[in-house]
């Protein structure tokens, strides 16, 4: 099993992870969701977190982006111990974290342009014309043109996903400090047909190749999404990491959690969980 705490060592230096979770615990009432999770994301890396429904995958993303505070454990960004979730959300640790939610989470009463440019309309001093120009650029990056005036209910499921991508990569060009960007994808291909899924998977890889984002973590159940978008695999079950290794090892490892997950067998250590977390 690949260690997830130790930094990568080279002959001349030690590379600090962009993100690191150490012994993270999180409970909701009497329901213990995360039980000592360790995870490290390095620059340029793409990690897939997999596991059965209800095992805490989405909770990990919410802890990383500052939407949830862990009950125990430490979160590090660029080697700095996180002491404030607000600082994470503001990018004050030298890392901009964007979240793509499973259901796209668009505002139904706002146009596509207003959704994508929401943070700039609310917090920047840019003019409406300047924001619209930036919105059009981000939409072009995700393969969408001439839809600024549409509403979410006028879009297909795949288009709504891509609009949420555009919103996640939106930034304020007047902020002079240049920081790396990490994207967190929560089931980006869930509910999409195979063609639409392929478009989203290609887009995820393209955004990293174009340096729109430096690294990303994707929570997914989809075999193709795991194999086509990730470098490294984390298997989570009952709130604990049961496997960490390269995606290339999926078909050769004897780890029982990996074997059962990808075979779809009902026999093995993974038992049905009834509650999604």
C-alpha atoms as a PDB file:
ATOM      1  CA  UNK A   1       0.000   0.000   0.000  1.00  0.00           C
ATOM      2  CA  UNK A   2       1.382   3.378  -0.993  1.00  0.00           C
ATOM      3  CA  UNK A   3       1.928   5.733   1.981  1.00  0.00           C
ATOM      4  CA  UNK A   4      -0.195   8.843   1.844  1.00  0.00           C
ATOM      5  CA  UNK A   5       1.462  10.955   4.499  1.00  0.00           C
ATOM      6  CA  UNK A   6       5.095  11.044   3.478  1.00  0.00           C
ATOM      7  CA  UNK A   7       6.203  13.769   1.051  1.00  0.00           C
ATOM      8  CA  UNK A   8       7.855  12.757  -2.202  1.00  0.00           C
ATOM      9  CA  UNK A   9      11.635  12.795  -1.846  1.00  0.00           C
ATOM     10  CA  UNK A  10      14.141  13.506  -4.603  1.00  0.00           C
ATOM     11  CA  UNK A  11      17.923  13.538  -4.512  1.00  0.00           C
ATOM     12  CA  UNK A  12      18.049  17.266  -3.743  1.00  0.00           C
ATOM     13  CA  UNK A  13      14.838  18.295  -2.050  1.00  0.00           C
ATOM     14  CA  UNK A  14      11.558  17.352  -0.439  1.00  0.00           C
ATOM     15  CA  UNK A  15       8.365  18.279  -2.271  1.00  0.00           C
ATOM     16  CA  UNK A  16       5.605  19.573  -0.019  1.00  0.00           C
ATOM     17  CA  UNK A  17       2.094  18.376  -0.971  1.00  0.00           C
ATOM     18  CA  UNK A  18      -0.381  20.989  -2.134  1.00  0.00           C
ATOM     19  CA  UNK A  19      -2.960  19.411   0.172  1.00  0.00           C
ATOM     20  CA  UNK A  20      -2.553  16.964   3.016  1.00  0.00           C
ATOM     21  CA  UNK A  21      -5.029  15.394   5.420  1.00  0.00           C
ATOM     22  CA  UNK A  22      -3.663  13.779   8.570  1.00  0.00           C
ATOM     23  CA  UNK A  23      -5.782  11.494  10.753  1.00  0.00           C
ATOM     24  CA  UNK A  24      -9.081  13.184   9.839  1.00  0.00           C
ATOM     25  CA  UNK A  25     -12.160  12.181  11.830  1.00  0.00           C
ATOM     26  CA  UNK A  26     -15.692  13.453  11.261  1.00  0.00           C
ATOM     27  CA  UNK A  27     -19.001  12.386  12.778  1.00  0.00           C
ATOM     28  CA  UNK A  28     -22.583  13.550  12.359  1.00  0.00           C
ATOM     29  CA  UNK A  29     -24.386  12.784  15.584  1.00  0.00           C
ATOM     30  CA  UNK A  30     -23.677   9.147  16.382  1.00  0.00           C
ATOM     31  CA  UNK A  31     -22.678   8.395  12.785  1.00  0.00           C
ATOM     32  CA  UNK A  32     -18.872   8.256  12.439  1.00  0.00           C
ATOM     33  CA  UNK A  33     -18.191   9.092   8.798  1.00  0.00           C
ATOM     34  CA  UNK A  34     -14.402   9.535   8.629  1.00  0.00           C
ATOM     35  CA  UNK A  35     -12.131   7.467  10.851  1.00  0.00           C
ATOM     36  CA  UNK A  36      -8.521   8.598  10.612  1.00  0.00           C
ATOM     37  CA  UNK A  37      -8.192   9.452   6.912  1.00  0.00           C
ATOM     38  CA  UNK A  38      -4.736  10.321   5.535  1.00  0.00           C
ATOM     39  CA  UNK A  39      -4.408  11.746   2.035  1.00  0.00           C
ATOM     40  CA  UNK A  40      -1.851  13.845   0.139  1.00  0.00           C
ATOM     41  CA  UNK A  41      -2.240  15.611  -3.216  1.00  0.00           C
ATOM     42  CA  UNK A  42       0.917  16.772  -4.999  1.00  0.00           C
ATOM     43  CA  UNK A  43       1.311  19.355  -7.723  1.00  0.00           C
ATOM     44  CA  UNK A  44       0.229  18.071 -11.131  1.00  0.00           C
ATOM     45  CA  UNK A  45      -1.506  15.027  -9.700  1.00  0.00           C
ATOM     46  CA  UNK A  46      -5.029  13.694 -10.263  1.00  0.00           C
ATOM     47  CA  UNK A  47      -6.533  11.469  -7.570  1.00  0.00           C
ATOM     48  CA  UNK A  48      -9.727   9.429  -7.757  1.00  0.00           C
ATOM     49  CA  UNK A  49     -11.500   8.585  -4.489  1.00  0.00           C
ATOM     50  CA  UNK A  50     -13.766   5.583  -4.845  1.00  0.00           C
ATOM     51  CA  UNK A  51     -15.835   3.371  -2.590  1.00  0.00           C
ATOM     52  CA  UNK A  52     -19.437   2.362  -2.006  1.00  0.00           C
ATOM     53  CA  UNK A  53     -22.139   4.939  -1.379  1.00  0.00           C
ATOM     54  CA  UNK A  54     -22.272   6.277   2.150  1.00  0.00           C
ATOM     55  CA  UNK A  55     -18.616   5.849   3.029  1.00  0.00           C
ATOM     56  CA  UNK A  56     -17.534   9.498   3.390  1.00  0.00           C
ATOM     57  CA  UNK A  57     -16.084  10.402   0.003  1.00  0.00           C
ATOM     58  CA  UNK A  58     -17.983  13.678  -0.420  1.00  0.00           C
ATOM     59  CA  UNK A  59     -17.270  14.540   3.209  1.00  0.00           C
ATOM     60  CA  UNK A  60     -13.550  14.486   2.431  1.00  0.00           C
ATOM     61  CA  UNK A  61     -14.055  17.060  -0.329  1.00  0.00           C
ATOM     62  CA  UNK A  62     -16.023  19.325   1.987  1.00  0.00           C
ATOM     63  CA  UNK A  63     -13.303  19.149   4.626  1.00  0.00           C
ATOM     64  CA  UNK A  64     -10.652  20.019   2.034  1.00  0.00           C
ATOM     65  CA  UNK A  65     -12.475  23.082   0.697  1.00  0.00           C
ATOM     66  CA  UNK A  66     -13.376  24.408   4.141  1.00  0.00           C
ATOM     67  CA  UNK A  67     -17.104  23.672   4.117  1.00  0.00           C
ATOM     68  CA  UNK A  68     -16.747  21.246   7.037  1.00  0.00           C
ATOM     69  CA  UNK A  69     -14.507  21.349  10.093  1.00  0.00           C
ATOM     70  CA  UNK A  70     -13.037  17.965  11.122  1.00  0.00           C
ATOM     71  CA  UNK A  71     -13.671  16.740  14.645  1.00  0.00           C
ATOM     72  CA  UNK A  72     -10.073  15.560  14.878  1.00  0.00           C
ATOM     73  CA  UNK A  73      -6.975  15.673  12.706  1.00  0.00           C
ATOM     74  CA  UNK A  74      -5.099  18.270  10.689  1.00  0.00           C
ATOM     75  CA  UNK A  75      -5.418  19.790   7.225  1.00  0.00           C
ATOM     76  CA  UNK A  76      -2.316  21.252   5.582  1.00  0.00           C
ATOM     77  CA  UNK A  77      -2.188  23.466   2.498  1.00  0.00           C
ATOM     78  CA  UNK A  78       1.250  24.103   1.006  1.00  0.00           C
ATOM     79  CA  UNK A  79       2.712  22.813   4.247  1.00  0.00           C
ATOM     80  CA  UNK A  80       0.706  25.272   6.374  1.00  0.00           C
ATOM     81  CA  UNK A  81      -1.570  23.960   9.097  1.00  0.00           C
ATOM     82  CA  UNK A  82      -5.100  25.200   8.368  1.00  0.00           C
ATOM     83  CA  UNK A  83      -6.551  27.073  11.316  1.00  0.00           C
ATOM     84  CA  UNK A  84      -9.480  28.791   9.584  1.00  0.00           C
ATOM     85  CA  UNK A  85     -11.948  27.420   7.042  1.00  0.00           C
ATOM     86  CA  UNK A  86     -12.602  31.010   5.931  1.00  0.00           C
ATOM     87  CA  UNK A  87      -8.932  31.371   4.968  1.00  0.00           C
ATOM     88  CA  UNK A  88      -9.201  28.205   2.871  1.00  0.00           C
ATOM     89  CA  UNK A  89     -12.221  29.599   1.033  1.00  0.00           C
ATOM     90  CA  UNK A  90     -10.434  32.905   0.432  1.00  0.00           C
ATOM     91  CA  UNK A  91      -7.291  31.213  -0.889  1.00  0.00           C
ATOM     92  CA  UNK A  92      -5.151  32.689   1.885  1.00  0.00           C
ATOM     93  CA  UNK A  93      -2.885  29.658   2.066  1.00  0.00           C
ATOM     94  CA  UNK A  94      -1.609  30.178  -1.467  1.00  0.00           C
ATOM     95  CA  UNK A  95      -4.020  27.727  -3.088  1.00  0.00           C
ATOM     96  CA  UNK A  96      -7.304  28.389  -4.874  1.00  0.00           C
ATOM     97  CA  UNK A  97      -9.749  25.509  -4.433  1.00  0.00           C
ATOM     98  CA  UNK A  98     -12.749  25.165  -6.741  1.00  0.00           C
ATOM     99  CA  UNK A  99     -15.615  22.755  -6.124  1.00  0.00           C
ATOM    100  CA  UNK A 100     -17.788  21.098  -8.788  1.00  0.00           C
ATOM    101  CA  UNK A 101     -20.843  19.686  -7.041  1.00  0.00           C
ATOM    102  CA  UNK A 102     -22.579  16.482  -8.105  1.00  0.00           C
ATOM    103  CA  UNK A 103     -25.833  18.153  -9.131  1.00  0.00           C
ATOM    104  CA  UNK A 104     -24.074  21.220 -10.640  1.00  0.00           C
ATOM    105  CA  UNK A 105     -25.723  23.398  -7.910  1.00  0.00           C
ATOM    106  CA  UNK A 106     -26.647  26.215 -10.280  1.00  0.00           C
ATOM    107  CA  UNK A 107     -29.032  28.991  -9.263  1.00  0.00           C
ATOM    108  CA  UNK A 108     -32.209  28.346 -11.266  1.00  0.00           C
ATOM    109  CA  UNK A 109     -33.279  32.001 -11.163  1.00  0.00           C
ATOM    110  CA  UNK A 110     -29.980  33.265 -12.610  1.00  0.00           C
ATOM    111  CA  UNK A 111     -28.749  33.104 -16.184  1.00  0.00           C
ATOM    112  CA  UNK A 112     -25.705  31.065 -17.140  1.00  0.00           C
ATOM    113  CA  UNK A 113     -23.580  34.231 -17.173  1.00  0.00           C
ATOM    114  CA  UNK A 114     -24.821  35.245 -13.734  1.00  0.00           C
ATOM    115  CA  UNK A 115     -24.090  31.760 -12.388  1.00  0.00           C
ATOM    116  CA  UNK A 116     -20.573  31.568 -13.804  1.00  0.00           C
ATOM    117  CA  UNK A 117     -19.679  35.116 -12.798  1.00  0.00           C
ATOM    118  CA  UNK A 118     -21.470  34.997  -9.444  1.00  0.00           C
ATOM    119  CA  UNK A 119     -18.380  35.443  -7.256  1.00  0.00           C
ATOM    120  CA  UNK A 120     -17.157  38.371  -9.350  1.00  0.00           C
ATOM    121  CA  UNK A 121     -20.543  40.092  -9.348  1.00  0.00           C
ATOM    122  CA  UNK A 122     -20.638  39.732  -5.566  1.00  0.00           C
ATOM    123  CA  UNK A 123     -17.055  40.475  -4.554  1.00  0.00           C
ATOM    124  CA  UNK A 124     -15.033  42.166  -7.314  1.00  0.00           C
ATOM    125  CA  UNK A 125     -14.901  45.739  -8.530  1.00  0.00           C
ATOM    126  CA  UNK A 126     -14.998  44.707 -12.168  1.00  0.00           C
ATOM    127  CA  UNK A 127     -17.606  46.240 -14.418  1.00  0.00           C
ATOM    128  CA  UNK A 128     -20.488  44.126 -15.687  1.00  0.00           C
ATOM    129  CA  UNK A 129     -19.001  44.240 -19.194  1.00  0.00           C
ATOM    130  CA  UNK A 130     -15.625  42.988 -17.937  1.00  0.00           C
ATOM    131  CA  UNK A 131     -17.254  40.152 -16.007  1.00  0.00           C
ATOM    132  CA  UNK A 132     -19.270  39.093 -19.037  1.00  0.00           C
ATOM    133  CA  UNK A 133     -16.063  39.009 -21.106  1.00  0.00           C
ATOM    134  CA  UNK A 134     -14.433  36.731 -18.518  1.00  0.00           C
ATOM    135  CA  UNK A 135     -17.543  34.555 -18.362  1.00  0.00           C
ATOM    136  CA  UNK A 136     -17.530  34.083 -22.129  1.00  0.00           C
ATOM    137  CA  UNK A 137     -13.852  33.084 -21.988  1.00  0.00           C
ATOM    138  CA  UNK A 138     -14.451  30.478 -19.265  1.00  0.00           C
ATOM    139  CA  UNK A 139     -17.467  29.077 -21.095  1.00  0.00           C
ATOM    140  CA  UNK A 140     -15.363  28.769 -24.249  1.00  0.00           C
ATOM    141  CA  UNK A 141     -12.779  26.766 -22.280  1.00  0.00           C
ATOM    142  CA  UNK A 142     -15.459  24.209 -21.394  1.00  0.00           C
ATOM    143  CA  UNK A 143     -16.817  24.100 -24.943  1.00  0.00           C
ATOM    144  CA  UNK A 144     -19.884  26.299 -24.527  1.00  0.00           C
ATOM    145  CA  UNK A 145     -20.572  29.380 -26.647  1.00  0.00           C
ATOM    146  CA  UNK A 146     -23.515  31.751 -26.956  1.00  0.00           C
ATOM    147  CA  UNK A 147     -25.440  30.482 -23.929  1.00  0.00           C
ATOM    148  CA  UNK A 148     -24.875  33.391 -21.515  1.00  0.00           C
ATOM    149  CA  UNK A 149     -28.544  34.410 -21.533  1.00  0.00           C
ATOM    150  CA  UNK A 150     -29.969  30.920 -21.046  1.00  0.00           C
ATOM    151  CA  UNK A 151     -31.262  29.594 -17.744  1.00  0.00           C
ATOM    152  CA  UNK A 152     -30.227  26.245 -16.201  1.00  0.00           C
ATOM    153  CA  UNK A 153     -33.585  24.637 -17.013  1.00  0.00           C
ATOM    154  CA  UNK A 154     -32.871  25.301 -20.703  1.00  0.00           C
ATOM    155  CA  UNK A 155     -29.690  23.179 -20.624  1.00  0.00           C
ATOM    156  CA  UNK A 156     -29.037  19.457 -20.848  1.00  0.00           C
ATOM    157  CA  UNK A 157     -27.489  17.629 -17.900  1.00  0.00           C
ATOM    158  CA  UNK A 158     -24.080  17.589 -19.559  1.00  0.00           C
ATOM    159  CA  UNK A 159     -24.236  21.297 -20.329  1.00  0.00           C
ATOM    160  CA  UNK A 160     -25.157  22.106 -16.724  1.00  0.00           C
ATOM    161  CA  UNK A 161     -22.109  20.127 -15.593  1.00  0.00           C
ATOM    162  CA  UNK A 162     -19.872  22.136 -17.914  1.00  0.00           C
ATOM    163  CA  UNK A 163     -21.364  25.414 -16.695  1.00  0.00           C
ATOM    164  CA  UNK A 164     -20.472  24.350 -13.149  1.00  0.00           C
ATOM    165  CA  UNK A 165     -16.912  23.677 -14.382  1.00  0.00           C
ATOM    166  CA  UNK A 166     -16.744  27.204 -15.798  1.00  0.00           C
ATOM    167  CA  UNK A 167     -17.887  28.632 -12.468  1.00  0.00           C
ATOM    168  CA  UNK A 168     -15.283  26.576 -10.580  1.00  0.00           C
ATOM    169  CA  UNK A 169     -12.402  27.930 -12.696  1.00  0.00           C
ATOM    170  CA  UNK A 170     -13.549  31.560 -12.557  1.00  0.00           C
ATOM    171  CA  UNK A 171     -11.083  33.902 -10.880  1.00  0.00           C
ATOM    172  CA  UNK A 172     -10.526  37.626 -10.458  1.00  0.00           C
ATOM    173  CA  UNK A 173      -7.739  38.835 -12.786  1.00  0.00           C
ATOM    174  CA  UNK A 174      -7.247  41.965 -10.683  1.00  0.00           C
ATOM    175  CA  UNK A 175      -5.906  39.848  -7.806  1.00  0.00           C
ATOM    176  CA  UNK A 176      -2.189  40.055  -8.440  1.00  0.00           C
ATOM    177  CA  UNK A 177      -1.059  37.112  -6.318  1.00  0.00           C
ATOM    178  CA  UNK A 178      -0.676  34.077  -8.554  1.00  0.00           C
ATOM    179  CA  UNK A 179      -1.645  30.830  -6.806  1.00  0.00           C
ATOM    180  CA  UNK A 180      -2.129  27.282  -7.987  1.00  0.00           C
ATOM    181  CA  UNK A 181      -5.659  26.005  -8.459  1.00  0.00           C
ATOM    182  CA  UNK A 182      -7.035  22.661  -7.339  1.00  0.00           C
ATOM    183  CA  UNK A 183     -10.434  21.417  -8.484  1.00  0.00           C
ATOM    184  CA  UNK A 184     -12.597  19.044  -6.472  1.00  0.00           C
ATOM    185  CA  UNK A 185     -15.085  17.053  -8.545  1.00  0.00           C
ATOM    186  CA  UNK A 186     -17.978  15.310  -6.785  1.00  0.00           C
ATOM    187  CA  UNK A 187     -19.382  12.637  -9.122  1.00  0.00           C
ATOM    188  CA  UNK A 188     -18.918  14.752 -12.294  1.00  0.00           C
ATOM    189  CA  UNK A 189     -20.227  12.055 -14.643  1.00  0.00           C
ATOM    190  CA  UNK A 190     -23.066  10.706 -12.477  1.00  0.00           C
ATOM    191  CA  UNK A 191     -26.341  10.430 -14.384  1.00  0.00           C
ATOM    192  CA  UNK A 192     -24.790  11.149 -17.784  1.00  0.00           C
ATOM    193  CA  UNK A 193     -24.931   8.919 -20.840  1.00  0.00           C
ATOM    194  CA  UNK A 194     -21.619   7.422 -22.080  1.00  0.00           C
ATOM    195  CA  UNK A 195     -21.054  10.119 -24.719  1.00  0.00           C
ATOM    196  CA  UNK A 196     -21.706  12.982 -22.303  1.00  0.00           C
ATOM    197  CA  UNK A 197     -19.466  11.251 -19.738  1.00  0.00           C
ATOM    198  CA  UNK A 198     -16.633  11.062 -22.247  1.00  0.00           C
ATOM    199  CA  UNK A 199     -16.997  14.784 -22.979  1.00  0.00           C
ATOM    200  CA  UNK A 200     -16.743  15.589 -19.253  1.00  0.00           C
ATOM    201  CA  UNK A 201     -13.759  13.257 -18.774  1.00  0.00           C
ATOM    202  CA  UNK A 202     -11.948  14.827 -21.728  1.00  0.00           C
ATOM    203  CA  UNK A 203     -12.703  18.262 -20.298  1.00  0.00           C
ATOM    204  CA  UNK A 204     -11.247  17.361 -16.899  1.00  0.00           C
ATOM    205  CA  UNK A 205      -7.993  16.256 -18.496  1.00  0.00           C
ATOM    206  CA  UNK A 206      -7.951  19.234 -20.853  1.00  0.00           C
ATOM    207  CA  UNK A 207      -8.267  21.778 -18.037  1.00  0.00           C
ATOM    208  CA  UNK A 208      -5.207  20.293 -16.353  1.00  0.00           C
ATOM    209  CA  UNK A 209      -3.237  20.058 -19.603  1.00  0.00           C
ATOM    210  CA  UNK A 210      -4.029  23.706 -20.348  1.00  0.00           C
ATOM    211  CA  UNK A 211      -2.891  24.670 -16.808  1.00  0.00           C
ATOM    212  CA  UNK A 212      -6.343  26.035 -15.997  1.00  0.00           C
ATOM    213  CA  UNK A 213      -5.970  23.937 -12.856  1.00  0.00           C
ATOM    214  CA  UNK A 214      -2.832  22.404 -11.445  1.00  0.00           C
ATOM    215  CA  UNK A 215      -4.299  19.299  -9.816  1.00  0.00           C
ATOM    216  CA  UNK A 216      -7.628  17.740  -8.971  1.00  0.00           C
ATOM    217  CA  UNK A 217      -9.417  15.179  -6.846  1.00  0.00           C
ATOM    218  CA  UNK A 218     -12.433  13.371  -8.250  1.00  0.00           C
ATOM    219  CA  UNK A 219     -15.007  11.351  -6.320  1.00  0.00           C
ATOM    220  CA  UNK A 220     -16.623   8.880  -8.682  1.00  0.00           C
ATOM    221  CA  UNK A 221     -18.215   5.479  -9.130  1.00  0.00           C
ATOM    222  CA  UNK A 222     -17.636   5.376 -12.895  1.00  0.00           C
ATOM    223  CA  UNK A 223     -15.039   2.921 -14.191  1.00  0.00           C
ATOM    224  CA  UNK A 224     -14.233   5.019 -17.268  1.00  0.00           C
ATOM    225  CA  UNK A 225     -13.862   8.210 -15.225  1.00  0.00           C
ATOM    226  CA  UNK A 226     -11.401   6.505 -12.874  1.00  0.00           C
ATOM    227  CA  UNK A 227      -9.305   5.047 -15.670  1.00  0.00           C
ATOM    228  CA  UNK A 228      -9.371   8.057 -18.017  1.00  0.00           C
ATOM    229  CA  UNK A 229      -8.919  10.950 -15.589  1.00  0.00           C
ATOM    230  CA  UNK A 230      -6.880   9.810 -12.567  1.00  0.00           C
ATOM    231  CA  UNK A 231      -3.241   8.986 -11.843  1.00  0.00           C
ATOM    232  CA  UNK A 232      -3.731   7.617  -8.361  1.00  0.00           C
ATOM    233  CA  UNK A 233      -6.511   5.735  -6.619  1.00  0.00           C
ATOM    234  CA  UNK A 234      -7.804   5.957  -3.059  1.00  0.00           C
ATOM    235  CA  UNK A 235     -10.335   3.342  -1.911  1.00  0.00           C
ATOM    236  CA  UNK A 236     -12.457   4.458   1.031  1.00  0.00           C
ATOM    237  CA  UNK A 237     -14.663   2.142   3.049  1.00  0.00           C
ATOM    238  CA  UNK A 238     -16.416   2.862   6.337  1.00  0.00           C
ATOM    239  CA  UNK A 239     -14.486   6.105   6.656  1.00  0.00           C
ATOM    240  CA  UNK A 240     -10.994   4.605   6.342  1.00  0.00           C
ATOM    241  CA  UNK A 241      -8.512   4.353   3.459  1.00  0.00           C
ATOM    242  CA  UNK A 242      -8.305   0.685   2.450  1.00  0.00           C
ATOM    243  CA  UNK A 243      -6.026   1.107  -0.559  1.00  0.00           C
ATOM    244  CA  UNK A 244      -3.825   3.798  -2.094  1.00  0.00           C
ATOM    245  CA  UNK A 245      -1.953   3.156  -5.314  1.00  0.00           C
ATOM    246  CA  UNK A 246      -1.583   4.012  -8.979  1.00  0.00           C
ATOM    247  CA  UNK A 247      -4.574   3.571 -11.274  1.00  0.00           C
ATOM    248  CA  UNK A 248      -2.374   1.320 -13.417  1.00  0.00           C
ATOM    249  CA  UNK A 249      -2.497  -1.281 -10.619  1.00  0.00           C
ATOM    250  CA  UNK A 250      -6.283  -1.731 -10.738  1.00  0.00           C
ATOM    251  CA  UNK A 251      -6.197  -4.946 -12.768  1.00  0.00           C
ATOM    252  CA  UNK A 252      -3.180  -6.543 -11.070  1.00  0.00           C
ATOM    253  CA  UNK A 253      -3.514  -5.785  -7.359  1.00  0.00           C
ATOM    254  CA  UNK A 254      -4.721  -8.477  -4.982  1.00  0.00           C
ATOM    255  CA  UNK A 255      -6.246  -5.905  -2.625  1.00  0.00           C
ATOM    256  CA  UNK A 256      -9.712  -7.340  -1.827  1.00  0.00           C
ATOM    257  CA  UNK A 257     -11.443  -3.929  -1.772  1.00  0.00           C
ATOM    258  CA  UNK A 258     -10.153  -3.006  -5.237  1.00  0.00           C
ATOM    259  CA  UNK A 259     -10.950  -6.435  -6.649  1.00  0.00           C
ATOM    260  CA  UNK A 260     -14.500  -6.415  -5.317  1.00  0.00           C
ATOM    261  CA  UNK A 261     -15.246  -2.838  -6.352  1.00  0.00           C
ATOM    262  CA  UNK A 262     -14.211  -3.312  -9.969  1.00  0.00           C
ATOM    263  CA  UNK A 263     -15.739  -6.763 -10.340  1.00  0.00           C
ATOM    264  CA  UNK A 264     -19.054  -5.664  -8.814  1.00  0.00           C
ATOM    265  CA  UNK A 265     -19.155  -8.834  -6.734  1.00  0.00           C
ATOM    266  CA  UNK A 266     -21.417  -9.037  -3.695  1.00  0.00           C
ATOM    267  CA  UNK A 267     -18.838 -11.257  -2.003  1.00  0.00           C
ATOM    268  CA  UNK A 268     -15.940  -9.588  -0.214  1.00  0.00           C
ATOM    269  CA  UNK A 269     -15.171  -7.066   2.522  1.00  0.00           C
ATOM    270  CA  UNK A 270     -17.440  -4.360   1.091  1.00  0.00           C
ATOM    271  CA  UNK A 271     -20.972  -4.651   2.436  1.00  0.00           C
ATOM    272  CA  UNK A 272     -23.978  -2.561   1.398  1.00  0.00           C
ATOM    273  CA  UNK A 273     -24.242   0.833   3.097  1.00  0.00           C
ATOM    274  CA  UNK A 274     -27.637   2.472   3.123  1.00  0.00           C
ATOM    275  CA  UNK A 275     -26.820   6.116   3.731  1.00  0.00           C
ATOM    276  CA  UNK A 276     -24.930   8.470   1.419  1.00  0.00           C
ATOM    277  CA  UNK A 277     -22.589  10.897   3.186  1.00  0.00           C
END
